[in-house]
Amino acid sequence: MLADLFELPYYAVIFSTIRTEGDNGYEAMAEKMANLAATMPGYLGAESARSDIGITVSYWKDLESIRHWKYQSDHVMARDLGREQWYKCYRLRVAKVERAYGF
Protein backbone atom coordinates (compact mmCIF):
# COMPACT_ATOMS: atom_id res chain seq x y z
CA MET A 1 0.00 0.00 0.00
CA LEU A 2 1.29 3.46 -0.84
CA ALA A 3 1.48 6.14 1.82
CA ASP A 4 -0.69 9.21 1.47
CA LEU A 5 0.55 12.53 0.19
CA PHE A 6 1.16 14.84 3.12
CA GLU A 7 1.25 18.58 3.70
CA LEU A 8 4.50 19.92 2.28
CA PRO A 9 7.27 20.09 3.18
CA TYR A 10 7.93 16.90 5.12
CA TYR A 11 10.83 14.47 5.44
CA ALA A 12 11.52 10.98 4.12
CA VAL A 13 13.85 8.56 5.87
CA ILE A 14 15.01 6.03 3.28
CA PHE A 15 16.39 2.83 4.75
CA SER A 16 17.91 0.42 2.20
CA THR A 17 19.25 -2.98 3.27
CA ILE A 18 20.77 -6.24 2.18
CA ARG A 19 19.80 -8.96 4.63
CA THR A 20 21.74 -11.86 6.06
CA GLU A 21 20.44 -15.43 5.59
CA GLY A 22 17.47 -16.60 7.66
CA ASP A 23 14.84 -14.72 9.62
CA ASN A 24 16.42 -14.85 13.09
CA GLY A 25 13.49 -12.88 14.54
CA TYR A 26 13.65 -10.15 11.88
CA GLU A 27 10.02 -10.21 10.67
CA ALA A 28 8.59 -10.00 14.19
CA MET A 29 10.90 -7.09 15.04
CA ALA A 30 10.16 -5.30 11.76
CA GLU A 31 6.43 -5.48 12.51
CA LYS A 32 7.00 -4.29 16.08
CA MET A 33 9.08 -1.32 14.87
CA ALA A 34 6.51 -0.38 12.20
CA ASN A 35 3.76 -0.37 14.83
CA LEU A 36 5.92 1.58 17.29
CA ALA A 37 6.95 4.18 14.70
CA ALA A 38 3.27 4.78 13.94
CA THR A 39 2.76 5.90 17.55
CA MET A 40 5.56 8.48 17.48
CA PRO A 41 4.75 12.20 17.30
CA GLY A 42 5.40 13.55 13.82
CA TYR A 43 5.11 10.16 12.07
CA LEU A 44 3.13 10.44 8.84
CA GLY A 45 3.33 7.00 7.20
CA ALA A 46 5.61 4.49 5.50
CA GLU A 47 6.13 2.31 2.45
CA SER A 48 8.24 -0.83 2.27
CA ALA A 49 9.38 -3.32 -0.37
CA ARG A 50 11.59 -6.34 0.11
CA SER A 51 13.37 -8.46 -2.44
CA ASP A 52 17.13 -8.76 -2.93
CA ILE A 53 17.31 -5.22 -1.57
CA GLY A 54 14.91 -4.07 1.12
CA ILE A 55 13.74 -0.47 1.08
CA THR A 56 11.59 1.18 3.72
CA VAL A 57 10.68 4.84 3.43
CA SER A 58 9.14 6.45 6.48
CA TYR A 59 7.66 9.94 6.33
CA TRP A 60 7.97 12.47 9.12
CA LYS A 61 6.68 15.98 9.84
CA ASP A 62 10.08 17.40 10.79
CA LEU A 63 13.68 16.62 11.70
CA GLU A 64 12.93 16.72 15.43
CA SER A 65 10.43 13.87 15.03
CA ILE A 66 13.07 11.84 13.18
CA ARG A 67 15.57 12.50 15.98
CA HIS A 68 13.08 11.30 18.61
CA TRP A 69 12.51 8.10 16.63
CA LYS A 70 16.25 7.56 16.22
CA TYR A 71 16.79 7.60 19.99
CA GLN A 72 13.60 5.77 21.06
CA SER A 73 14.90 2.98 23.33
CA ASP A 74 13.24 -0.02 21.62
CA HIS A 75 14.33 1.31 18.24
CA VAL A 76 17.92 1.65 19.48
CA MET A 77 17.83 -2.01 20.57
CA ALA A 78 16.42 -3.09 17.18
CA ARG A 79 19.10 -1.10 15.34
CA ASP A 80 21.81 -2.84 17.35
CA LEU A 81 20.32 -6.26 16.55
CA GLY A 82 20.16 -5.26 12.90
CA ARG A 83 23.87 -4.54 12.80
CA GLU A 84 24.68 -7.76 14.68
CA GLN A 85 22.26 -10.23 13.05
CA TRP A 86 20.04 -9.08 10.21
CA TYR A 87 21.94 -6.88 7.77
CA LYS A 88 24.96 -7.51 5.59
CA CYS A 89 24.89 -3.78 4.92
CA TYR A 90 22.50 -0.84 5.00
CA ARG A 91 22.22 2.78 3.97
CA LEU A 92 20.07 5.45 5.59
CA ARG A 93 19.23 8.72 3.90
CA VAL A 94 17.10 11.63 5.07
CA ALA A 95 15.51 13.83 2.42
CA LYS A 96 13.26 16.86 2.54
CA VAL A 97 10.18 16.39 0.35
CA GLU A 98 9.26 19.68 -1.30
CA ARG A 99 7.02 18.36 -4.07
CA ALA A 100 4.76 15.31 -4.20
CA TYR A 101 1.92 14.24 -6.46
CA GLY A 102 0.13 11.13 -7.65
CA PHE A 103 -3.22 9.63 -8.53
C-alpha atoms as a PDB file:
ATOM      1  CA  MET A   1       0.000   0.000   0.000  1.00  0.00           C
ATOM      2  CA  LEU A   2       1.287   3.458  -0.844  1.00  0.00           C
ATOM      3  CA  ALA A   3       1.480   6.136   1.817  1.00  0.00           C
ATOM      4  CA  ASP A   4      -0.691   9.206   1.470  1.00  0.00           C
ATOM      5  CA  LEU A   5       0.552  12.530   0.188  1.00  0.00           C
ATOM      6  CA  PHE A   6       1.163  14.842   3.121  1.00  0.00           C
ATOM      7  CA  GLU A   7       1.253  18.575   3.701  1.00  0.00           C
ATOM      8  CA  LEU A   8       4.501  19.917   2.282  1.00  0.00           C
ATOM      9  CA  PRO A   9       7.272  20.094   3.176  1.00  0.00           C
ATOM     10  CA  TYR A  10       7.933  16.899   5.119  1.00  0.00           C
ATOM     11  CA  TYR A  11      10.832  14.468   5.439  1.00  0.00           C
ATOM     12  CA  ALA A  12      11.515  10.981   4.120  1.00  0.00           C
ATOM     13  CA  VAL A  13      13.850   8.561   5.865  1.00  0.00           C
ATOM     14  CA  ILE A  14      15.010   6.030   3.276  1.00  0.00           C
ATOM     15  CA  PHE A  15      16.394   2.827   4.752  1.00  0.00           C
ATOM     16  CA  SER A  16      17.914   0.417   2.203  1.00  0.00           C
ATOM     17  CA  THR A  17      19.253  -2.982   3.269  1.00  0.00           C
ATOM     18  CA  ILE A  18      20.769  -6.235   2.178  1.00  0.00           C
ATOM     19  CA  ARG A  19      19.800  -8.964   4.627  1.00  0.00           C
ATOM     20  CA  THR A  20      21.738 -11.864   6.064  1.00  0.00           C
ATOM     21  CA  GLU A  21      20.436 -15.432   5.590  1.00  0.00           C
ATOM     22  CA  GLY A  22      17.473 -16.603   7.664  1.00  0.00           C
ATOM     23  CA  ASP A  23      14.845 -14.718   9.624  1.00  0.00           C
ATOM     24  CA  ASN A  24      16.418 -14.848  13.087  1.00  0.00           C
ATOM     25  CA  GLY A  25      13.488 -12.882  14.538  1.00  0.00           C
ATOM     26  CA  TYR A  26      13.653 -10.154  11.883  1.00  0.00           C
ATOM     27  CA  GLU A  27      10.023 -10.212  10.671  1.00  0.00           C
ATOM     28  CA  ALA A  28       8.591  -9.995  14.193  1.00  0.00           C
ATOM     29  CA  MET A  29      10.900  -7.095  15.036  1.00  0.00           C
ATOM     30  CA  ALA A  30      10.156  -5.297  11.756  1.00  0.00           C
ATOM     31  CA  GLU A  31       6.427  -5.484  12.513  1.00  0.00           C
ATOM     32  CA  LYS A  32       6.995  -4.289  16.084  1.00  0.00           C
ATOM     33  CA  MET A  33       9.080  -1.323  14.866  1.00  0.00           C
ATOM     34  CA  ALA A  34       6.508  -0.378  12.202  1.00  0.00           C
ATOM     35  CA  ASN A  35       3.765  -0.372  14.834  1.00  0.00           C
ATOM     36  CA  LEU A  36       5.922   1.575  17.289  1.00  0.00           C
ATOM     37  CA  ALA A  37       6.947   4.175  14.699  1.00  0.00           C
ATOM     38  CA  ALA A  38       3.271   4.783  13.936  1.00  0.00           C
ATOM     39  CA  THR A  39       2.755   5.903  17.554  1.00  0.00           C
ATOM     40  CA  MET A  40       5.559   8.479  17.476  1.00  0.00           C
ATOM     41  CA  PRO A  41       4.753  12.205  17.303  1.00  0.00           C
ATOM     42  CA  GLY A  42       5.403  13.547  13.819  1.00  0.00           C
ATOM     43  CA  TYR A  43       5.113  10.160  12.072  1.00  0.00           C
ATOM     44  CA  LEU A  44       3.134  10.441   8.844  1.00  0.00           C
ATOM     45  CA  GLY A  45       3.328   7.004   7.196  1.00  0.00           C
ATOM     46  CA  ALA A  46       5.606   4.489   5.500  1.00  0.00           C
ATOM     47  CA  GLU A  47       6.132   2.312   2.446  1.00  0.00           C
ATOM     48  CA  SER A  48       8.237  -0.828   2.268  1.00  0.00           C
ATOM     49  CA  ALA A  49       9.384  -3.318  -0.372  1.00  0.00           C
ATOM     50  CA  ARG A  50      11.592  -6.345   0.111  1.00  0.00           C
ATOM     51  CA  SER A  51      13.372  -8.463  -2.440  1.00  0.00           C
ATOM     52  CA  ASP A  52      17.133  -8.765  -2.929  1.00  0.00           C
ATOM     53  CA  ILE A  53      17.306  -5.220  -1.571  1.00  0.00           C
ATOM     54  CA  GLY A  54      14.908  -4.068   1.121  1.00  0.00           C
ATOM     55  CA  ILE A  55      13.737  -0.471   1.084  1.00  0.00           C
ATOM     56  CA  THR A  56      11.594   1.180   3.719  1.00  0.00           C
ATOM     57  CA  VAL A  57      10.683   4.839   3.434  1.00  0.00           C
ATOM     58  CA  SER A  58       9.136   6.450   6.480  1.00  0.00           C
ATOM     59  CA  TYR A  59       7.663   9.935   6.331  1.00  0.00           C
ATOM     60  CA  TRP A  60       7.966  12.475   9.116  1.00  0.00           C
ATOM     61  CA  LYS A  61       6.681  15.978   9.843  1.00  0.00           C
ATOM     62  CA  ASP A  62      10.080  17.397  10.794  1.00  0.00           C
ATOM     63  CA  LEU A  63      13.679  16.620  11.701  1.00  0.00           C
ATOM     64  CA  GLU A  64      12.925  16.725  15.426  1.00  0.00           C
ATOM     65  CA  SER A  65      10.425  13.870  15.025  1.00  0.00           C
ATOM     66  CA  ILE A  66      13.066  11.838  13.182  1.00  0.00           C
ATOM     67  CA  ARG A  67      15.568  12.503  15.976  1.00  0.00           C
ATOM     68  CA  HIS A  68      13.080  11.305  18.614  1.00  0.00           C
ATOM     69  CA  TRP A  69      12.513   8.101  16.632  1.00  0.00           C
ATOM     70  CA  LYS A  70      16.250   7.556  16.217  1.00  0.00           C
ATOM     71  CA  TYR A  71      16.786   7.595  19.985  1.00  0.00           C
ATOM     72  CA  GLN A  72      13.602   5.767  21.057  1.00  0.00           C
ATOM     73  CA  SER A  73      14.903   2.979  23.328  1.00  0.00           C
ATOM     74  CA  ASP A  74      13.235  -0.018  21.619  1.00  0.00           C
ATOM     75  CA  HIS A  75      14.330   1.315  18.236  1.00  0.00           C
ATOM     76  CA  VAL A  76      17.923   1.648  19.480  1.00  0.00           C
ATOM     77  CA  MET A  77      17.831  -2.012  20.571  1.00  0.00           C
ATOM     78  CA  ALA A  78      16.418  -3.092  17.181  1.00  0.00           C
ATOM     79  CA  ARG A  79      19.100  -1.100  15.342  1.00  0.00           C
ATOM     80  CA  ASP A  80      21.812  -2.839  17.355  1.00  0.00           C
ATOM     81  CA  LEU A  81      20.325  -6.258  16.553  1.00  0.00           C
ATOM     82  CA  GLY A  82      20.160  -5.260  12.900  1.00  0.00           C
ATOM     83  CA  ARG A  83      23.870  -4.541  12.795  1.00  0.00           C
ATOM     84  CA  GLU A  84      24.678  -7.757  14.684  1.00  0.00           C
ATOM     85  CA  GLN A  85      22.256 -10.225  13.053  1.00  0.00           C
ATOM     86  CA  TRP A  86      20.039  -9.082  10.207  1.00  0.00           C
ATOM     87  CA  TYR A  87      21.937  -6.878   7.768  1.00  0.00           C
ATOM     88  CA  LYS A  88      24.958  -7.508   5.590  1.00  0.00           C
ATOM     89  CA  CYS A  89      24.885  -3.777   4.919  1.00  0.00           C
ATOM     90  CA  TYR A  90      22.503  -0.838   5.003  1.00  0.00           C
ATOM     91  CA  ARG A  91      22.224   2.780   3.969  1.00  0.00           C
ATOM     92  CA  LEU A  92      20.075   5.449   5.589  1.00  0.00           C
ATOM     93  CA  ARG A  93      19.226   8.715   3.902  1.00  0.00           C
ATOM     94  CA  VAL A  94      17.105  11.632   5.073  1.00  0.00           C
ATOM     95  CA  ALA A  95      15.515  13.826   2.421  1.00  0.00           C
ATOM     96  CA  LYS A  96      13.261  16.858   2.536  1.00  0.00           C
ATOM     97  CA  VAL A  97      10.182  16.394   0.348  1.00  0.00           C
ATOM     98  CA  GLU A  98       9.264  19.676  -1.302  1.00  0.00           C
ATOM     99  CA  ARG A  99       7.021  18.357  -4.067  1.00  0.00           C
ATOM    100  CA  ALA A 100       4.759  15.313  -4.199  1.00  0.00           C
ATOM    101  CA  TYR A 101       1.916  14.243  -6.459  1.00  0.00           C
ATOM    102  CA  GLY A 102       0.131  11.134  -7.653  1.00  0.00           C
ATOM    103  CA  PHE A 103      -3.221   9.633  -8.532  1.00  0.00           C
END
